Amino acid sequence: MAVPKKKTSVSRKGMRHAGQHHKLSAKTVGRDATTGDYVLSHRVNPATGTYKGIKIFTSRTEKLAAKAQAEPTQE
C-alpha cells in the first residue's frame, strides 16, 4: 500500500482546493454606453473598438465601410 513520505501541509492542501471555487462564478457583463451592446467588463467592445468611450482600434466593419467608400464604382 502506498504511504506518503511526508505530511501534506495545511497551506498546500488549501492551495489544491482553492481553484474549485472560481469555476462556479459567472462572468460580469455590462452594457456599452454608446451602442448599448452587452460586453464583458474591463474589455474593449469588439464591435465598435471602444473602451469607456475612448476609441482604441478601428473595427473590421468600419474598415470595410471605409474601403467601399474609397473605391470608385466602375460602370
PDB file of N, CA and C in Angstrom:
ATOM      1  N   MET A   1       0.842  -1.172   0.000  1.00  0.00           N
ATOM      2  CA  MET A   1       0.000   0.000   0.000  1.00  0.00           C
ATOM      3  C   MET A   1       0.897   1.249   0.000  1.00  0.00           C
ATOM      4  N   ALA A   2       0.534   2.234  -0.831  1.00  0.00           N
ATOM      5  CA  ALA A   2       1.325   3.455  -0.943  1.00  0.00           C
ATOM      6  C   ALA A   2       1.051   4.368   0.240  1.00  0.00           C
ATOM      7  N   VAL A   3       2.125   4.841   0.854  1.00  0.00           N
ATOM      8  CA  VAL A   3       2.013   5.720   2.011  1.00  0.00           C
ATOM      9  C   VAL A   3       2.838   6.971   1.720  1.00  0.00           C
ATOM     10  N   PRO A   4       2.277   8.179   1.947  1.00  0.00           N
ATOM     11  CA  PRO A   4       3.056   9.390   1.699  1.00  0.00           C
ATOM     12  C   PRO A   4       4.246   9.495   2.649  1.00  0.00           C
ATOM     13  N   LYS A   5       5.365   9.968   2.119  1.00  0.00           N
ATOM     14  CA  LYS A   5       6.580  10.064   2.919  1.00  0.00           C
ATOM     15  C   LYS A   5       6.500  11.217   3.925  1.00  0.00           C
ATOM     16  N   LYS A   6       5.853  12.333   3.511  1.00  0.00           N
ATOM     17  CA  LYS A   6       5.733  13.484   4.395  1.00  0.00           C
ATOM     18  C   LYS A   6       4.272  13.915   4.469  1.00  0.00           C
ATOM     19  N   LYS A   7       3.926  14.582   5.550  1.00  0.00           N
ATOM     20  CA  LYS A   7       2.567  15.077   5.753  1.00  0.00           C
ATOM     21  C   LYS A   7       2.305  16.262   4.818  1.00  0.00           C
ATOM     22  N   THR A   8       1.146  16.298   4.208  1.00  0.00           N
ATOM     23  CA  THR A   8       0.750  17.431   3.380  1.00  0.00           C
ATOM     24  C   THR A   8       0.356  18.583   4.298  1.00  0.00           C
ATOM     25  N   SER A   9       0.980  19.737   4.100  1.00  0.00           N
ATOM     26  CA  SER A   9       0.714  20.876   4.979  1.00  0.00           C
ATOM     27  C   SER A   9      -0.680  21.440   4.705  1.00  0.00           C
ATOM     28  N   VAL A  10      -1.180  22.188   5.666  1.00  0.00           N
ATOM     29  CA  VAL A  10      -2.494  22.809   5.542  1.00  0.00           C
ATOM     30  C   VAL A  10      -2.495  23.800   4.376  1.00  0.00           C
ATOM     31  N   SER A  11      -1.391  24.528   4.229  1.00  0.00           N
ATOM     32  CA  SER A  11      -1.287  25.514   3.149  1.00  0.00           C
ATOM     33  C   SER A  11      -1.342  24.835   1.778  1.00  0.00           C
ATOM     34  N   ARG A  12      -0.587  23.770   1.614  1.00  0.00           N
ATOM     35  CA  ARG A  12      -0.562  23.069   0.330  1.00  0.00           C
ATOM     36  C   ARG A  12      -1.920  22.443   0.020  1.00  0.00           C
ATOM     37  N   LYS A  13      -2.566  21.902   1.028  1.00  0.00           N
ATOM     38  CA  LYS A  13      -3.888  21.315   0.835  1.00  0.00           C
ATOM     39  C   LYS A  13      -4.891  22.400   0.466  1.00  0.00           C
ATOM     40  N   GLY A  14      -4.755  23.586   1.100  1.00  0.00           N
ATOM     41  CA  GLY A  14      -5.647  24.704   0.795  1.00  0.00           C
ATOM     42  C   GLY A  14      -5.465  25.197  -0.627  1.00  0.00           C
ATOM     43  N   MET A  15      -4.217  25.238  -1.092  1.00  0.00           N
ATOM     44  CA  MET A  15      -3.955  25.674  -2.475  1.00  0.00           C
ATOM     45  C   MET A  15      -4.542  24.687  -3.485  1.00  0.00           C
ATOM     46  N   ARG A  16      -4.536  23.424  -3.153  1.00  0.00           N
ATOM     47  CA  ARG A  16      -5.081  22.412  -4.054  1.00  0.00           C
ATOM     48  C   ARG A  16      -6.595  22.544  -4.162  1.00  0.00           C
ATOM     49  N   HIS A  17      -7.238  22.905  -3.068  1.00  0.00           N
ATOM     50  CA  HIS A  17      -8.696  23.004  -3.061  1.00  0.00           C
ATOM     51  C   HIS A  17      -9.201  24.385  -3.488  1.00  0.00           C
ATOM     52  N   ALA A  18      -8.342  25.373  -3.550  1.00  0.00           N
ATOM     53  CA  ALA A  18      -8.775  26.755  -3.790  1.00  0.00           C
ATOM     54  C   ALA A  18      -9.311  26.962  -5.198  1.00  0.00           C
ATOM     55  N   GLY A  19      -8.787  26.285  -6.193  1.00  0.00           N
ATOM     56  CA  GLY A  19      -9.173  26.528  -7.581  1.00  0.00           C
ATOM     57  C   GLY A  19     -10.565  26.075  -7.940  1.00  0.00           C
ATOM     58  N   GLN A  20     -11.210  25.314  -7.097  1.00  0.00           N
ATOM     59  CA  GLN A  20     -12.521  24.765  -7.422  1.00  0.00           C
ATOM     60  C   GLN A  20     -13.630  25.804  -7.340  1.00  0.00           C
ATOM     61  N   HIS A  21     -13.427  26.866  -6.572  1.00  0.00           N
ATOM     62  CA  HIS A  21     -14.494  27.836  -6.363  1.00  0.00           C
ATOM     63  C   HIS A  21     -14.598  28.846  -7.496  1.00  0.00           C
ATOM     64  N   HIS A  22     -13.534  29.048  -8.237  1.00  0.00           N
ATOM     65  CA  HIS A  22     -13.546  30.054  -9.292  1.00  0.00           C
ATOM     66  C   HIS A  22     -14.365  29.603 -10.489  1.00  0.00           C
ATOM     67  N   LYS A  23     -14.530  28.329 -10.669  1.00  0.00           N
ATOM     68  CA  LYS A  23     -15.259  27.814 -11.829  1.00  0.00           C
ATOM     69  C   LYS A  23     -16.747  28.094 -11.722  1.00  0.00           C
ATOM     70  N   LEU A  24     -17.251  28.263 -10.518  1.00  0.00           N
ATOM     71  CA  LEU A  24     -18.676  28.405 -10.314  1.00  0.00           C
ATOM     72  C   LEU A  24     -19.176  29.817 -10.553  1.00  0.00           C
ATOM     73  N   SER A  25     -18.303  30.817 -10.516  1.00  0.00           N
ATOM     74  CA  SER A  25     -18.753  32.190 -10.636  1.00  0.00           C
ATOM     75  C   SER A  25     -19.034  32.542 -12.100  1.00  0.00           C
ATOM     76  N   ALA A  26     -20.068  33.346 -12.283  1.00  0.00           N
ATOM     77  CA  ALA A  26     -20.453  33.776 -13.621  1.00  0.00           C
ATOM     78  C   ALA A  26     -19.654  35.015 -14.015  1.00  0.00           C
ATOM     79  N   LYS A  27     -19.514  35.247 -15.304  1.00  0.00           N
ATOM     80  CA  LYS A  27     -18.809  36.422 -15.803  1.00  0.00           C
ATOM     81  C   LYS A  27     -19.713  37.643 -15.640  1.00  0.00           C
ATOM     82  N   THR A  28     -19.088  38.784 -15.316  1.00  0.00           N
ATOM     83  CA  THR A  28     -19.852  40.016 -15.205  1.00  0.00           C
ATOM     84  C   THR A  28     -19.977  40.663 -16.571  1.00  0.00           C
ATOM     85  N   VAL A  29     -21.192  40.941 -16.946  1.00  0.00           N
ATOM     86  CA  VAL A  29     -21.476  41.518 -18.250  1.00  0.00           C
ATOM     87  C   VAL A  29     -22.109  42.882 -18.030  1.00  0.00           C
ATOM     88  N   GLY A  30     -21.621  43.875 -18.774  1.00  0.00           N
ATOM     89  CA  GLY A  30     -22.178  45.223 -18.675  1.00  0.00           C
ATOM     90  C   GLY A  30     -22.690  45.685 -20.027  1.00  0.00           C
ATOM     91  N   ARG A  31     -23.221  46.895 -20.056  1.00  0.00           N
ATOM     92  CA  ARG A  31     -23.730  47.461 -21.296  1.00  0.00           C
ATOM     93  C   ARG A  31     -22.773  48.539 -21.770  1.00  0.00           C
ATOM     94  N   ASP A  32     -22.545  48.577 -23.074  1.00  0.00           N
ATOM     95  CA  ASP A  32     -21.709  49.622 -23.662  1.00  0.00           C
ATOM     96  C   ASP A  32     -22.515  50.919 -23.665  1.00  0.00           C
ATOM     97  N   ALA A  33     -21.899  52.009 -23.238  1.00  0.00           N
ATOM     98  CA  ALA A  33     -22.606  53.280 -23.103  1.00  0.00           C
ATOM     99  C   ALA A  33     -23.019  53.854 -24.451  1.00  0.00           C
ATOM    100  N   THR A  34     -22.210  53.651 -25.495  1.00  0.00           N
ATOM    101  CA  THR A  34     -22.507  54.278 -26.783  1.00  0.00           C
ATOM    102  C   THR A  34     -23.493  53.458 -27.604  1.00  0.00           C
ATOM    103  N   THR A  35     -23.328  52.139 -27.653  1.00  0.00           N
ATOM    104  CA  THR A  35     -24.170  51.315 -28.513  1.00  0.00           C
ATOM    105  C   THR A  35     -25.230  50.535 -27.768  1.00  0.00           C
ATOM    106  N   GLY A  36     -25.033  50.298 -26.475  1.00  0.00           N
ATOM    107  CA  GLY A  36     -25.987  49.504 -25.716  1.00  0.00           C
ATOM    108  C   GLY A  36     -25.757  48.008 -25.840  1.00  0.00           C
ATOM    109  N   ASP A  37     -24.660  47.609 -26.491  1.00  0.00           N
ATOM    110  CA  ASP A  37     -24.342  46.189 -26.625  1.00  0.00           C
ATOM    111  C   ASP A  37     -23.876  45.635 -25.285  1.00  0.00           C
ATOM    112  N   TYR A  38     -24.050  44.324 -25.116  1.00  0.00           N
ATOM    113  CA  TYR A  38     -23.528  43.654 -23.931  1.00  0.00           C
ATOM    114  C   TYR A  38     -22.062  43.324 -24.159  1.00  0.00           C
ATOM    115  N   VAL A  39     -21.198  43.722 -23.220  1.00  0.00           N
ATOM    116  CA  VAL A  39     -19.766  43.444 -23.313  1.00  0.00           C
ATOM    117  C   VAL A  39     -19.268  42.983 -21.952  1.00  0.00           C
ATOM    118  N   LEU A  40     -18.180  42.210 -21.942  1.00  0.00           N
ATOM    119  CA  LEU A  40     -17.545  41.811 -20.694  1.00  0.00           C
ATOM    120  C   LEU A  40     -16.903  43.029 -20.051  1.00  0.00           C
ATOM    121  N   SER A  41     -16.918  43.090 -18.732  1.00  0.00           N
ATOM    122  CA  SER A  41     -16.358  44.245 -18.054  1.00  0.00           C
ATOM    123  C   SER A  41     -14.847  44.288 -18.215  1.00  0.00           C
ATOM    124  N   HIS A  42     -14.309  45.476 -18.300  1.00  0.00           N
ATOM    125  CA  HIS A  42     -12.874  45.737 -18.473  1.00  0.00           C
ATOM    126  C   HIS A  42     -12.348  45.162 -19.783  1.00  0.00           C
ATOM    127  N   ARG A  43     -13.163  45.133 -20.815  1.00  0.00           N
ATOM    128  CA  ARG A  43     -12.746  44.641 -22.128  1.00  0.00           C
ATOM    129  C   ARG A  43     -13.142  45.671 -23.187  1.00  0.00           C
ATOM    130  N   VAL A  44     -12.425  45.673 -24.292  1.00  0.00           N
ATOM    131  CA  VAL A  44     -12.760  46.538 -25.419  1.00  0.00           C
ATOM    132  C   VAL A  44     -13.947  45.925 -26.153  1.00  0.00           C
ATOM    133  N   ASN A  45     -14.894  46.761 -26.556  1.00  0.00           N
ATOM    134  CA  ASN A  45     -16.034  46.283 -27.323  1.00  0.00           C
ATOM    135  C   ASN A  45     -15.549  45.933 -28.722  1.00  0.00           C
ATOM    136  N   PRO A  46     -15.622  44.667 -29.132  1.00  0.00           N
ATOM    137  CA  PRO A  46     -15.090  44.296 -30.443  1.00  0.00           C
ATOM    138  C   PRO A  46     -15.894  44.859 -31.612  1.00  0.00           C
ATOM    139  N   ALA A  47     -17.160  45.172 -31.406  1.00  0.00           N
ATOM    140  CA  ALA A  47     -17.985  45.691 -32.490  1.00  0.00           C
ATOM    141  C   ALA A  47     -17.621  47.131 -32.841  1.00  0.00           C
ATOM    142  N   THR A  48     -17.333  47.947 -31.827  1.00  0.00           N
ATOM    143  CA  THR A  48     -17.059  49.362 -32.077  1.00  0.00           C
ATOM    144  C   THR A  48     -15.600  49.730 -31.877  1.00  0.00           C
ATOM    145  N   GLY A  49     -14.847  48.915 -31.131  1.00  0.00           N
ATOM    146  CA  GLY A  49     -13.449  49.220 -30.876  1.00  0.00           C
ATOM    147  C   GLY A  49     -13.253  50.288 -29.821  1.00  0.00           C
ATOM    148  N   THR A  50     -14.235  50.466 -28.925  1.00  0.00           N
ATOM    149  CA  THR A  50     -14.134  51.480 -27.895  1.00  0.00           C
ATOM    150  C   THR A  50     -14.042  50.846 -26.513  1.00  0.00           C
ATOM    151  N   TYR A  51     -13.410  51.567 -25.587  1.00  0.00           N
ATOM    152  CA  TYR A  51     -13.334  51.168 -24.186  1.00  0.00           C
ATOM    153  C   TYR A  51     -13.613  52.400 -23.356  1.00  0.00           C
ATOM    154  N   LYS A  52     -14.697  52.384 -22.606  1.00  0.00           N
ATOM    155  CA  LYS A  52     -15.136  53.523 -21.787  1.00  0.00           C
ATOM    156  C   LYS A  52     -15.260  54.789 -22.625  1.00  0.00           C
ATOM    157  N   GLY A  53     -15.775  54.657 -23.844  1.00  0.00           N
ATOM    158  CA  GLY A  53     -15.993  55.803 -24.713  1.00  0.00           C
ATOM    159  C   GLY A  53     -14.774  56.282 -25.469  1.00  0.00           C
ATOM    160  N   ILE A  54     -13.631  55.640 -25.293  1.00  0.00           N
ATOM    161  CA  ILE A  54     -12.402  56.036 -25.980  1.00  0.00           C
ATOM    162  C   ILE A  54     -12.143  55.058 -27.117  1.00  0.00           C
ATOM    163  N   LYS A  55     -11.865  55.587 -28.297  1.00  0.00           N
ATOM    164  CA  LYS A  55     -11.603  54.752 -29.468  1.00  0.00           C
ATOM    165  C   LYS A  55     -10.231  54.104 -29.330  1.00  0.00           C
ATOM    166  N   ILE A  56     -10.187  52.770 -29.343  1.00  0.00           N
ATOM    167  CA  ILE A  56      -8.941  52.034 -29.179  1.00  0.00           C
ATOM    168  C   ILE A  56      -8.419  51.558 -30.535  1.00  0.00           C
ATOM    169  N   PHE A  57      -9.282  50.963 -31.346  1.00  0.00           N
ATOM    170  CA  PHE A  57      -8.875  50.484 -32.663  1.00  0.00           C
ATOM    171  C   PHE A  57     -10.051  50.598 -33.616  1.00  0.00           C
ATOM    172  N   THR A  58      -9.767  50.504 -34.910  1.00  0.00           N
ATOM    173  CA  THR A  58     -10.796  50.553 -35.930  1.00  0.00           C
ATOM    174  C   THR A  58     -11.342  49.148 -36.138  1.00  0.00           C
ATOM    175  N   SER A  59     -12.652  49.000 -36.019  1.00  0.00           N
ATOM    176  CA  SER A  59     -13.257  47.678 -36.145  1.00  0.00           C
ATOM    177  C   SER A  59     -13.268  47.221 -37.597  1.00  0.00           C
ATOM    178  N   ARG A  60     -13.483  45.956 -37.795  1.00  0.00           N
ATOM    179  CA  ARG A  60     -13.471  45.367 -39.135  1.00  0.00           C
ATOM    180  C   ARG A  60     -14.588  45.938 -40.006  1.00  0.00           C
ATOM    181  N   THR A  61     -15.767  46.149 -39.436  1.00  0.00           N
ATOM    182  CA  THR A  61     -16.871  46.700 -40.216  1.00  0.00           C
ATOM    183  C   THR A  61     -16.582  48.126 -40.663  1.00  0.00           C
ATOM    184  N   GLU A  62     -15.929  48.908 -39.799  1.00  0.00           N
ATOM    185  CA  GLU A  62     -15.564  50.279 -40.181  1.00  0.00           C
ATOM    186  C   GLU A  62     -14.524  50.279 -41.287  1.00  0.00           C
ATOM    187  N   LYS A  63     -13.571  49.348 -41.231  1.00  0.00           N
ATOM    188  CA  LYS A  63     -12.557  49.246 -42.276  1.00  0.00           C
ATOM    189  C   LYS A  63     -13.188  48.892 -43.613  1.00  0.00           C
ATOM    190  N   LEU A  64     -14.125  47.940 -43.606  1.00  0.00           N
ATOM    191  CA  LEU A  64     -14.793  47.542 -44.849  1.00  0.00           C
ATOM    192  C   LEU A  64     -15.640  48.678 -45.410  1.00  0.00           C
ATOM    193  N   ALA A  65     -16.307  49.430 -44.537  1.00  0.00           N
ATOM    194  CA  ALA A  65     -17.123  50.553 -44.995  1.00  0.00           C
ATOM    195  C   ALA A  65     -16.243  51.651 -45.594  1.00  0.00           C
ATOM    196  N   ALA A  66     -15.106  51.922 -44.978  1.00  0.00           N
ATOM    197  CA  ALA A  66     -14.194  52.945 -45.494  1.00  0.00           C
ATOM    198  C   ALA A  66     -13.598  52.520 -46.824  1.00  0.00           C
ATOM    199  N   LYS A  67     -13.312  51.236 -46.962  1.00  0.00           N
ATOM    200  CA  LYS A  67     -12.758  50.723 -48.213  1.00  0.00           C
ATOM    201  C   LYS A  67     -13.789  50.803 -49.334  1.00  0.00           C
ATOM    202  N   ALA A  68     -15.055  50.505 -48.999  1.00  0.00           N
ATOM    203  CA  ALA A  68     -16.103  50.575 -50.017  1.00  0.00           C
ATOM    204  C   ALA A  68     -16.337  52.010 -50.459  1.00  0.00           C
ATOM    205  N   GLN A  69     -16.225  52.970 -49.551  1.00  0.00           N
ATOM    206  CA  GLN A  69     -16.405  54.377 -49.906  1.00  0.00           C
ATOM    207  C   GLN A  69     -15.240  54.881 -50.750  1.00  0.00           C
ATOM    208  N   ALA A  70     -14.037  54.406 -50.458  1.00  0.00           N
ATOM    209  CA  ALA A  70     -12.844  54.896 -51.152  1.00  0.00           C
ATOM    210  C   ALA A  70     -12.757  54.384 -52.582  1.00  0.00           C
ATOM    211  N   GLU A  71     -13.264  53.202 -52.840  1.00  0.00           N
ATOM    212  CA  GLU A  71     -13.182  52.636 -54.190  1.00  0.00           C
ATOM    213  C   GLU A  71     -14.233  53.294 -55.090  1.00  0.00           C
ATOM    214  N   PRO A  72     -13.814  53.795 -56.235  1.00  0.00           N
ATOM    215  CA  PRO A  72     -14.805  54.358 -57.158  1.00  0.00           C
ATOM    216  C   PRO A  72     -15.604  53.235 -57.824  1.00  0.00           C
ATOM    217  N   THR A  73     -16.868  53.485 -58.034  1.00  0.00           N
ATOM    218  CA  THR A  73     -17.713  52.457 -58.677  1.00  0.00           C
ATOM    219  C   THR A  73     -17.444  52.470 -60.172  1.00  0.00           C
ATOM    220  N   GLN A  74     -17.256  51.297 -60.729  1.00  0.00           N
ATOM    221  CA  GLN A  74     -16.993  51.161 -62.165  1.00  0.00           C
ATOM    222  C   GLN A  74     -18.303  50.853 -62.880  1.00  0.00           C
ATOM    223  N   GLU A  75     -18.610  51.656 -63.899  1.00  0.00           N
ATOM    224  CA  GLU A  75     -19.854  51.454 -64.638  1.00  0.00           C
ATOM    225  C   GLU A  75     -19.587  51.076 -66.061  1.00  0.00           C
TER     226      GLU A  75
END
